[in-house]
Protein backbone atom coordinates (compact mmCIF):
# COMPACT_ATOMS: atom_id res chain seq x y z
CA MET A 1 -94.23 44.61 -34.27
CA ALA A 2 -93.90 48.12 -32.91
CA ALA A 3 -95.11 48.97 -29.43
CA ALA A 4 -97.64 51.33 -31.03
CA ASP A 5 -99.25 48.31 -32.77
CA GLN A 6 -99.92 46.53 -29.48
CA LYS A 7 -103.34 46.79 -27.89
CA PRO A 8 -104.20 45.91 -24.27
CA LEU A 9 -106.20 42.70 -23.87
CA GLY A 10 -107.98 43.84 -20.74
CA SER A 11 -107.08 40.60 -18.97
CA GLY A 12 -106.23 42.28 -15.69
CA PHE A 13 -102.67 40.96 -15.88
CA HIS A 14 -99.54 42.97 -16.55
CA ALA A 15 -95.82 42.52 -17.20
CA LYS A 16 -95.14 41.82 -13.53
CA SER A 17 -97.97 39.31 -13.02
CA GLU A 18 -96.76 36.12 -11.37
CA PRO A 19 -97.71 32.64 -12.67
CA HIS A 20 -99.56 31.79 -9.44
CA GLU A 21 -101.68 34.94 -9.86
CA ILE A 22 -102.61 34.00 -13.41
CA LEU A 23 -103.58 30.44 -12.42
CA ALA A 24 -105.47 31.38 -9.24
CA GLY A 25 -108.74 29.46 -9.08
CA ILE A 26 -107.92 27.23 -12.07
CA ASP A 27 -107.92 23.46 -11.53
CA LEU A 28 -105.51 21.69 -13.87
CA THR A 29 -106.03 18.22 -12.40
CA GLY A 30 -105.76 15.65 -15.18
CA LYS A 31 -103.80 17.99 -17.46
CA THR A 32 -100.17 17.52 -18.46
CA ALA A 33 -97.78 20.42 -19.10
CA ILE A 34 -94.29 20.31 -20.55
CA VAL A 35 -92.21 23.28 -19.42
CA THR A 36 -88.94 23.75 -21.26
CA GLY A 37 -86.49 25.58 -19.04
CA GLY A 38 -88.71 24.58 -16.13
CA TYR A 39 -85.92 24.19 -13.58
CA SER A 40 -84.64 27.76 -13.48
CA GLY A 41 -85.86 31.35 -13.60
CA ILE A 42 -89.36 32.05 -14.82
CA GLY A 43 -89.65 28.44 -16.02
CA LEU A 44 -89.21 27.22 -12.44
CA GLU A 45 -91.95 29.57 -11.23
CA THR A 46 -94.20 28.41 -14.07
CA THR A 47 -93.53 24.77 -13.12
CA ARG A 48 -94.35 25.54 -9.48
CA ALA A 49 -97.62 27.32 -10.37
CA LEU A 50 -98.78 24.57 -12.76
CA ALA A 51 -98.03 21.85 -10.19
CA ASN A 52 -99.82 23.81 -7.47
CA ALA A 53 -102.84 24.07 -9.78
CA GLY A 54 -102.89 20.25 -10.07
CA ALA A 55 -101.17 19.67 -13.42
CA THR A 56 -98.71 16.88 -14.06
CA VAL A 57 -95.57 18.74 -15.11
CA ILE A 58 -92.75 17.30 -17.20
CA VAL A 59 -89.53 19.29 -17.32
CA PRO A 60 -87.04 18.40 -20.07
CA VAL A 61 -83.51 18.85 -18.72
CA ARG A 62 -79.92 18.94 -19.86
CA ASP A 63 -78.44 19.13 -16.38
CA PRO A 64 -80.24 16.49 -14.26
CA ALA A 65 -78.37 17.35 -11.05
CA LYS A 66 -79.31 21.03 -11.24
CA ALA A 67 -82.89 20.18 -12.17
CA GLU A 68 -83.27 17.73 -9.30
CA GLU A 69 -81.95 20.31 -6.83
CA ASN A 70 -84.19 23.11 -8.11
CA LEU A 71 -87.34 20.99 -8.49
CA ALA A 72 -87.03 19.30 -5.06
CA SER A 73 -88.97 22.04 -3.27
CA ILE A 74 -92.00 21.83 -5.57
CA GLU A 75 -94.97 19.89 -4.24
CA GLY A 76 -97.10 18.04 -6.76
CA ASP A 77 -96.56 15.79 -9.74
CA VAL A 78 -93.33 17.09 -11.28
CA SER A 79 -90.81 14.93 -13.10
CA SER A 80 -87.72 15.72 -15.10
CA ALA A 81 -86.68 13.97 -18.27
CA LYS A 82 -83.15 14.00 -19.60
CA TRP A 83 -83.71 15.16 -23.17
CA ILE A 84 -80.38 15.85 -24.79
CA SER A 85 -80.41 14.14 -28.17
CA PRO A 86 -83.08 14.17 -30.88
CA ILE A 87 -83.58 10.44 -30.27
CA SER A 88 -84.31 10.96 -26.57
CA ILE A 89 -86.80 13.70 -27.45
CA ARG A 90 -88.56 11.44 -29.98
CA CYS A 91 -88.72 8.58 -27.47
CA ALA A 92 -90.23 10.86 -24.85
CA ALA A 93 -92.72 12.33 -27.32
CA LEU A 94 -94.13 9.01 -28.56
CA PRO A 95 -96.39 8.34 -25.55
CA LEU A 96 -97.57 11.95 -25.59
CA ARG A 97 -98.36 11.74 -29.30
CA SER A 98 -100.32 8.51 -28.94
CA MET A 99 -102.18 9.98 -25.96
CA THR A 100 -103.13 13.02 -28.06
CA LEU A 101 -104.25 10.85 -30.97
CA SER A 102 -106.42 8.70 -28.71
CA MET A 103 -107.97 11.82 -27.15
CA ARG A 104 -108.83 13.14 -30.62
CA SER A 105 -110.54 9.91 -31.60
CA THR A 106 -112.75 9.98 -28.51
CA CYS A 107 -113.78 13.63 -28.81
């Protein structure tokens, strides 16, 4: 897509908007977010903003020591999960999948 094809959304946000600005006033209590890359860079800031907004945040990691160090300063419900192999990803996804299926059947 060429830049000329892009149209502003009029959201009030821009390229330098911070995650905490975007989530200001939004209550994510009871919601679960999975943030890949959530223990460094923009992913870390996204994890921080989601946790501050009340979400339960799961951060898949390949380097548990680095993740633990970087996530330690975040207040809220944040946990890391060592997801390296396809089997570990499937095992972690099963409870989330069953939770989604049960939510669909009650809606």
